[in-house]
Structure formats: structure tokens, C-alpha cells
Amino acid sequence: MFSVIPLTGMAEVAEGDDLVDLIADAAVANGVELADGDILVVTSKIVSKAEGRLVTALDREDAITAETVRVVATKEHTGGTTRIVQNRQGLVLAAAGVDSSNAPHGTVLLLPEDPDASARALCAGLRARGPRVGVVLSDTLGRPWRLGQTDVAIGAAGVRALDDLRGGTDAHGRTLEATIVAVADELAGAAELVKGKASGVPVAIVRGLGHLVGELDEPGASSIIRPLADDLFSLGTEEAYAAGYRDAAAGLPAAPASAASAATGGSASA
């Protein structure tokens, strides 16, 4: 059994704030004593604020362009254009993770520059106070083929991000050949159930899963990102067709299977 405990009452975070102190103080204020094996799921937005990732941007679209390294798909709609892109952190998501909500007018909030490094620094700071905890940095993403959004891990430290079950057996003795559990994403989603989207609760403690807590040098959340060469849906449908037409017109050889498969599927993650 495990439980998820929200840390309520945290003040608005500003650039330069010490998140270790703020989280430790919030735990005390909530009557919670951090313990070995606790996993803290921290909304990446407060990490971005503490790290000074609030930037001036009169046009959010310009900020999205600046954070984009690869366009996956675009879709026109009555409200404008949605861009699914790969950003500087390697994540594939809508709008490159650029967020204008809860930011002063004329500014936008970027994701932490290196989410795994941010998670390690926070985890090391909390462990220096005694308990052997893990840290997951979460953000909200959409998903291909499914409606709605959920929180996923964009940074992690001191906690197992993936649980590779390949080679084991299921309840009927059959060998598992493809099962790799995205543990860090599951932790982020579980914590979101108590953090909410607009409740002002940026941190939650997942307790009772201490077997997932490990060393600080555990592979971070970047290990969850699927390599481009293995991505069967690396482009949106329209983008894949357009690329194929351009290559054919130029007399280039057919695209590899992974790129070709993208033409028959949906876009990558939103």
C-alpha cells in the first residue's frame, strides 16, 4: 500500500528561492516528517521560477519558436495553431513547454534548462537534511491517441525512472518480451491526483514505495524519452506525407521504416 500526501500552503516561488527550505518548511507546516523512501513529486513550474526561467516575451509564439529544435506536427484551428515540437530538453510536447499561465503579462515561463540536474540538486539538498528521498519533476502533457492531459516526469533523481520487466514472466509463466514500466510517469500521475491543476499545491509526497528509491546517479527522466531512431510516429501524418512527396520529387531513396510508419499513424505526443 502507498499513500500520496499533498503539501499545502506553500508561498509563491520567486527567482533565487531555496526550494529545499521551502519544501522542508511546508512539510513541517503540514505536520509531515520526511522519511527514508519518500518520493517527492514537484511541479516543474516552481523549479523554473526558482531558477529564473521567467522571460520577457511579448509574443508567446516567438518564445515557442526559440525553444523548438524540431517540428513534429502543426494543426490549424479556430483559436490559432497548435504546434507539437521537440524542445531543447528533448521532450516532444505542445508549445515546447512554454507556459504563459500564472505568469505576469508580457512574460512566459520556460521549462528548467536541465530537469534531471534540477532534480538531482533538489534531491541532494533534501538528503543532506537526513532522509533518503527521491525526487520527480512533473509537467502536464497530452498523449497521442487519447483525449485529455496527465502529468509525467520530465526530471528525476534518486528514484527508478523505468522498471524493465523484460525476461521475467507473467502470472501464467509466459515470458515478458516488451514490458518496461514508466515508473516515474506513474508517480507523477499519482501525485497529480492530489496536487490538481489550479489548487496551489505544487508538491506531493508519495509514501510507501521506498523500493523505487535509489542512488543519486540513477538514470533520470531523460532515459524515458524514446530515441528518434525508434520512434514510429516521429512526424504528424501531414508532415510525413509532405516529407515523402519532397523526397520523391528530389529523386531521393525511400525513407526508413520508422519515418514511413509515421505517415500511417497520428502525431507524436502532444
Protein backbone atom coordinates (compact mmCIF):
# COMPACT_ATOMS: atom_id res chain seq x y z
CA MET A 1 0.00 0.00 0.00
CA PHE A 2 1.11 3.55 -0.65
CA SER A 3 -0.26 7.00 0.02
CA VAL A 4 0.04 10.41 -1.62
CA ILE A 5 0.28 13.42 0.69
CA PRO A 6 -0.18 16.99 -0.65
CA LEU A 7 1.94 19.77 0.85
CA THR A 8 -0.44 22.71 1.11
CA GLY A 9 0.21 26.34 1.98
CA MET A 10 3.45 26.91 0.06
CA ALA A 11 4.05 30.57 -0.78
CA GLU A 12 4.54 31.80 -4.34
CA VAL A 13 8.04 30.92 -5.51
CA ALA A 14 10.36 33.63 -6.83
CA GLU A 15 13.73 33.59 -8.55
CA GLY A 16 16.52 32.62 -6.18
CA ASP A 17 14.27 30.93 -3.61
CA ASP A 18 15.71 27.83 -1.95
CA LEU A 19 13.26 25.05 -2.78
CA VAL A 20 14.85 22.71 -0.27
CA ASP A 21 13.98 25.15 2.51
CA LEU A 22 10.50 25.86 1.14
CA ILE A 23 9.62 22.17 0.82
CA ALA A 24 11.07 21.27 4.23
CA ASP A 25 9.15 24.15 5.84
CA ALA A 26 5.94 23.13 4.06
CA ALA A 27 6.33 19.57 5.33
CA VAL A 28 6.68 20.83 8.90
CA ALA A 29 3.67 23.14 8.46
CA ASN A 30 1.62 20.18 7.25
CA GLY A 31 2.72 18.03 10.17
CA VAL A 32 4.65 15.69 7.89
CA GLU A 33 8.13 14.40 8.72
CA LEU A 34 10.05 13.38 5.61
CA ALA A 35 11.21 9.79 5.89
CA ASP A 36 13.53 7.38 4.09
CA GLY A 37 11.83 6.09 0.98
CA ASP A 38 9.57 9.12 0.44
CA ILE A 39 9.35 10.32 -3.16
CA LEU A 40 8.62 14.00 -3.66
CA VAL A 41 6.82 14.92 -6.87
CA VAL A 42 7.47 18.59 -7.58
CA THR A 43 5.69 20.64 -10.22
CA SER A 44 8.36 21.82 -12.65
CA LYS A 45 6.83 25.30 -12.71
CA ILE A 46 8.13 26.19 -9.25
CA VAL A 47 11.58 24.89 -10.22
CA SER A 48 11.51 27.12 -13.30
CA LYS A 49 10.52 30.10 -11.19
CA ALA A 50 13.27 29.50 -8.64
CA GLU A 51 15.81 29.12 -11.45
CA GLY A 52 14.79 32.39 -13.11
CA ARG A 53 13.25 30.84 -16.21
CA LEU A 54 10.63 33.58 -16.40
CA VAL A 55 11.48 35.55 -19.54
CA THR A 56 10.09 38.57 -21.35
CA ALA A 57 8.14 37.55 -24.42
CA LEU A 58 5.58 39.88 -25.90
CA ASP A 59 4.65 37.12 -28.36
CA ARG A 60 4.37 33.60 -26.92
CA GLU A 61 4.72 32.14 -30.41
CA ASP A 62 8.19 33.67 -30.72
CA ALA A 63 9.17 32.07 -27.42
CA ILE A 64 7.90 28.70 -28.64
CA THR A 65 9.95 29.04 -31.81
CA ALA A 66 13.06 29.87 -29.80
CA GLU A 67 12.65 26.72 -27.68
CA THR A 68 11.93 24.42 -30.65
CA VAL A 69 14.58 22.16 -32.20
CA ARG A 70 12.23 20.05 -34.35
CA VAL A 71 8.64 20.49 -35.51
CA VAL A 72 6.65 17.25 -35.24
CA ALA A 73 3.19 18.41 -36.28
CA THR A 74 1.05 21.52 -36.60
CA LYS A 75 -2.71 21.85 -36.61
CA GLU A 76 -4.77 24.92 -37.50
CA HIS A 77 -7.93 25.56 -35.50
CA THR A 78 -10.27 28.44 -34.73
CA GLY A 79 -8.11 29.58 -31.83
CA GLY A 80 -4.89 29.64 -33.85
CA THR A 81 -2.24 27.00 -34.45
CA THR A 82 -1.12 24.18 -32.18
CA ARG A 83 2.49 23.12 -32.64
CA ILE A 84 3.78 19.78 -31.43
CA VAL A 85 7.56 20.09 -31.24
CA GLN A 86 10.68 18.66 -29.74
CA ASN A 87 12.18 21.23 -27.40
CA ARG A 88 15.69 21.90 -26.14
CA GLN A 89 15.24 19.35 -23.34
CA GLY A 90 14.43 16.62 -25.87
CA LEU A 91 10.76 16.44 -24.90
CA VAL A 92 8.05 16.18 -27.55
CA LEU A 93 5.06 18.24 -26.45
CA ALA A 94 2.75 21.08 -27.34
CA ALA A 95 4.17 24.61 -27.49
CA ALA A 96 7.67 23.47 -26.45
CA GLY A 97 6.54 23.59 -22.82
CA VAL A 98 6.33 27.40 -22.90
CA ASP A 99 3.74 28.44 -20.32
CA SER A 100 2.03 31.81 -20.02
CA SER A 101 -0.43 30.84 -17.27
CA ASN A 102 0.24 32.32 -13.83
CA ALA A 103 2.98 34.49 -15.33
CA PRO A 104 2.97 38.32 -15.34
CA HIS A 105 1.69 39.96 -18.52
CA GLY A 106 4.37 40.10 -21.19
CA THR A 107 6.31 37.16 -19.79
CA VAL A 108 6.33 33.39 -20.22
CA LEU A 109 7.78 30.57 -18.15
CA LEU A 110 10.19 28.12 -19.74
CA LEU A 111 10.89 24.61 -18.50
CA PRO A 112 14.01 24.07 -16.37
CA GLU A 113 17.09 24.11 -18.57
CA ASP A 114 18.15 20.63 -17.37
CA PRO A 115 15.28 18.99 -15.46
CA ASP A 116 17.32 15.96 -14.36
CA ALA A 117 20.09 18.20 -13.00
CA SER A 118 17.49 20.30 -11.18
CA ALA A 119 16.00 17.14 -9.67
CA ARG A 120 19.45 15.93 -8.55
CA ALA A 121 20.24 19.24 -6.87
CA LEU A 122 16.90 19.23 -5.05
CA CYS A 123 17.25 15.57 -4.07
CA ALA A 124 20.80 16.09 -2.78
CA GLY A 125 19.69 19.10 -0.75
CA LEU A 126 16.83 17.20 0.86
CA ARG A 127 19.03 14.17 1.58
CA ALA A 128 21.58 16.44 3.24
CA ARG A 129 18.91 17.08 5.87
CA GLY A 130 18.68 13.37 6.69
CA PRO A 131 16.03 11.32 4.89
CA ARG A 132 16.95 9.29 1.81
CA VAL A 133 14.26 10.55 -0.55
CA GLY A 134 13.70 10.55 -4.29
CA VAL A 135 12.55 13.47 -6.43
CA VAL A 136 10.43 13.62 -9.59
CA LEU A 137 9.82 16.86 -11.50
CA SER A 138 6.46 16.78 -13.25
CA ASP A 139 4.78 18.64 -16.07
CA THR A 140 1.48 18.25 -17.90
CA LEU A 141 1.43 16.64 -21.34
CA GLY A 142 -1.17 15.39 -23.76
CA ARG A 143 -0.82 11.95 -25.32
CA PRO A 144 -1.24 10.57 -28.83
CA TRP A 145 -4.42 8.60 -29.48
CA ARG A 146 -6.03 9.67 -26.18
CA LEU A 147 -8.02 12.69 -25.03
CA GLY A 148 -7.01 14.74 -22.00
CA GLN A 149 -3.74 15.51 -20.29
CA THR A 150 -1.82 13.91 -17.48
CA ASP A 151 1.29 14.74 -15.50
CA VAL A 152 4.50 12.96 -16.49
CA ALA A 153 8.08 13.08 -15.26
CA ILE A 154 10.43 15.48 -17.04
CA GLY A 155 13.14 15.20 -14.38
CA ALA A 156 14.05 12.60 -11.78
CA ALA A 157 16.78 11.85 -9.25
CA GLY A 158 17.32 9.18 -6.64
CA VAL A 159 14.38 7.18 -7.97
CA ARG A 160 13.99 4.47 -10.59
CA ALA A 161 12.56 6.09 -13.73
CA LEU A 162 11.97 2.87 -15.67
CA ASP A 163 11.32 -0.67 -14.43
CA ASP A 164 12.46 -3.13 -17.11
CA LEU A 165 10.49 -6.34 -16.69
CA ARG A 166 11.66 -7.97 -19.91
CA GLY A 167 12.85 -11.51 -19.33
CA GLY A 168 10.54 -12.02 -16.38
CA THR A 169 7.29 -13.96 -16.50
CA ASP A 170 3.62 -13.08 -16.16
CA ALA A 171 1.14 -14.80 -13.84
CA HIS A 172 0.79 -17.64 -16.33
CA GLY A 173 4.50 -18.20 -16.77
CA ARG A 174 4.79 -16.52 -20.16
CA THR A 175 7.99 -14.56 -20.78
CA LEU A 176 7.63 -10.79 -20.84
CA GLU A 177 9.28 -9.53 -24.01
CA ALA A 178 8.37 -5.84 -24.22
CA THR A 179 7.22 -4.65 -20.79
CA ILE A 180 9.09 -1.61 -19.49
CA VAL A 181 7.11 0.31 -16.88
CA ALA A 182 7.45 4.11 -16.89
CA VAL A 183 7.57 4.30 -13.09
CA ALA A 184 8.46 8.00 -12.89
CA ASP A 185 5.49 8.90 -15.09
CA GLU A 186 3.18 6.81 -12.91
CA LEU A 187 4.47 8.61 -9.81
CA ALA A 188 3.84 11.97 -11.48
CA GLY A 189 0.31 10.97 -12.42
CA ALA A 190 -0.49 9.66 -8.95
CA ALA A 191 0.74 12.86 -7.34
CA GLU A 192 -1.36 14.98 -9.69
CA LEU A 193 -4.49 13.41 -8.21
CA VAL A 194 -3.87 15.40 -5.03
CA LYS A 195 -1.97 18.39 -6.45
CA GLY A 196 -4.60 19.40 -9.02
CA LYS A 197 -4.12 21.93 -11.80
CA ALA A 198 -5.19 25.11 -10.02
CA SER A 199 -5.21 24.29 -6.31
CA GLY A 200 -1.87 25.87 -5.46
CA VAL A 201 -0.32 22.58 -4.33
CA PRO A 202 2.98 22.21 -6.21
CA VAL A 203 4.47 19.35 -4.18
CA ALA A 204 3.19 15.95 -3.08
CA ILE A 205 4.86 13.11 -1.22
CA VAL A 206 4.40 9.54 -2.43
CA ARG A 207 4.95 7.29 0.59
CA GLY A 208 5.20 3.52 0.75
CA LEU A 209 7.20 2.88 -2.44
CA GLY A 210 10.66 3.06 -0.94
CA HIS A 211 11.85 0.16 -3.08
CA LEU A 212 11.88 2.61 -6.01
CA VAL A 213 14.33 4.97 -4.28
CA GLY A 214 17.96 4.54 -5.29
CA GLU A 215 21.23 6.40 -5.67
CA LEU A 216 21.53 9.96 -6.92
CA ASP A 217 23.14 8.73 -10.13
CA GLU A 218 20.11 6.66 -11.15
CA PRO A 219 19.20 7.42 -14.79
CA GLY A 220 16.91 10.45 -14.83
CA ALA A 221 13.67 11.11 -16.64
CA SER A 222 15.58 11.78 -19.85
CA SER A 223 16.00 7.98 -20.05
CA ILE A 224 12.26 7.73 -20.72
CA ILE A 225 12.46 9.72 -23.96
CA ARG A 226 12.22 7.36 -26.90
CA PRO A 227 15.23 7.69 -29.26
CA LEU A 228 14.25 9.26 -32.57
CA ALA A 229 15.51 6.21 -34.49
CA ASP A 230 12.99 4.04 -32.61
CA ASP A 231 10.07 6.48 -32.89
CA LEU A 232 7.46 5.09 -35.30
CA PHE A 233 5.50 8.34 -35.12
CA SER A 234 8.24 10.92 -35.34
CA LEU A 235 6.09 13.17 -37.54
CA GLY A 236 2.43 14.02 -37.83
CA THR A 237 0.54 12.47 -40.73
CA GLU A 238 0.51 15.57 -42.94
CA GLU A 239 4.16 16.30 -42.20
CA ALA A 240 5.20 12.74 -43.05
CA TYR A 241 3.34 12.79 -46.36
CA ALA A 242 4.82 16.17 -47.25
CA ALA A 243 8.34 14.92 -46.48
CA GLY A 244 7.74 11.84 -48.64
CA TYR A 245 6.50 13.93 -51.55
CA ARG A 246 9.52 16.23 -51.31
CA ASP A 247 11.94 13.30 -51.25
CA ALA A 248 10.22 11.64 -54.20
CA ALA A 249 10.31 14.85 -56.24
CA ALA A 250 14.02 15.19 -55.49
CA GLY A 251 14.68 11.57 -56.50
CA LEU A 252 15.80 10.60 -53.02
CA PRO A 253 15.54 6.99 -51.75
CA ALA A 254 12.55 5.95 -49.69
CA ALA A 255 12.55 6.93 -46.03
CA PRO A 256 13.39 4.27 -43.42
CA ALA A 257 10.55 2.25 -41.94
CA SER A 258 10.25 4.40 -38.84
CA ALA A 259 9.63 7.58 -40.83
CA ALA A 260 7.33 5.81 -43.27
CA SER A 261 5.24 4.40 -40.44
CA ALA A 262 4.65 7.93 -39.20
CA ALA A 263 2.60 8.60 -42.31
CA THR A 264 0.06 5.99 -41.26
CA GLY A 265 -0.23 6.99 -37.62
CA GLY A 266 -1.02 10.06 -35.60
CA SER A 267 1.30 12.76 -34.38
CA ALA A 268 3.84 12.23 -31.65
CA SER A 269 2.92 13.10 -28.10
CA ALA A 270 1.13 16.38 -27.53
